């Protein structure tokens, strides 16, 4: 989503944060794709202790940095984008949610296509559904937002704390946690054709979409959090905004790092709470950290590159998953299951570099990314209907 100031100019920090989040999101997805759909590789349930080998340490350390954190950051960014769309509707005197509902339906449709043709762990469908629900909540004003955050956040937090207690109990009695045997999925992505994989995703739609529905309460909370942060001046360019972001840095890193370090506890007993409860806390720390670094050196070349990726985040999100599947799946180069953790990290970095270069070149010729242009065209048609 495009995020702009009241005067219509883009907020650079938010584009930088969105670019950082998009590239970082691949840091989680690439483990699933590189291991051909085996979800166990984004958790620590069924693997040797992280200290047993350097390769295992690299995998768990990268997951500590990115798993759930960049997705949480991206979710907050979507909430901020929704807030700016809401402000735009108010300025124009347009009905709310109005056309925004159709924009969200387009997002759901894009997610369905991405899910079907590229990767089963798409986030766009979940974001589209979340956006529709959140759009009606913010229509009720700040009081409705606070009430929804308390109720939805409280329910989600209670469920995750129950899971946390259950994990501690399992650890105490020496029981094992597992996502089950995923050998059939691995064989499909290793030896199956692209069309066979499409059929698998469609016939297993409900099973593969369980997480997308499970995280909707968390997504709503984070959307609303982004909205409240925007309204409270966390991204303002004045001194008050800087103070708020500095506070965010200290709280987010101070609480987020120790809580997310629980991923290093053997057995995977804390993996789910880390991903779905503690990760967003560190996401807030990342916002404060990136903001601090940008303020310290606004002209650093990296910020411009991340800003370009952020401006065409939807295109880059889909592109990175397409590239990864071509590299790792059997119908492509077939590297899945054949490379170690360090190589996977290098491939992730190379894909990020390619996307940075691609975004920079594309935006020199065009105002919007390819998918962003298609989105604007479709939304324009709906707005005229």
Foldseek 3Di string as FASTA:
>chain_A
DFAADPVRHGQLLLLLLLLVLLLLVVLQVLQCLLQQNPNCLLAQQPDDACVPDVLSVLSLVSSLVRQQQSVLLNLLSLLNVLLRVVVVCVVVVHDPPPLVLVLLVVQLVVQVVLCLQFNVQGQSNLSSVLSVVLRVQCVVPPVSLVVLLCVLVVVLVVVLVVLLVVLVVCVVVVHGDDPDDPVVSSCCQQPNDSVVVSVVCVVCVVVSCVVSVVCSSVSNNSSSVSSVCVVVQCSPPDPVVLVNLLVLQCQLCVQLSVLSCCSSVHRRSCVVCNNRPSSSSVSSNVSSVSVVVCVVPVPPPSSVLSSLCSQAVVVLNSVLRRVSSLCPGNNHVNSRPPDTNVVSVVVSVVSSVVSSVVSVVVCVPDVGDPVVVVSVVVSVVSVVD
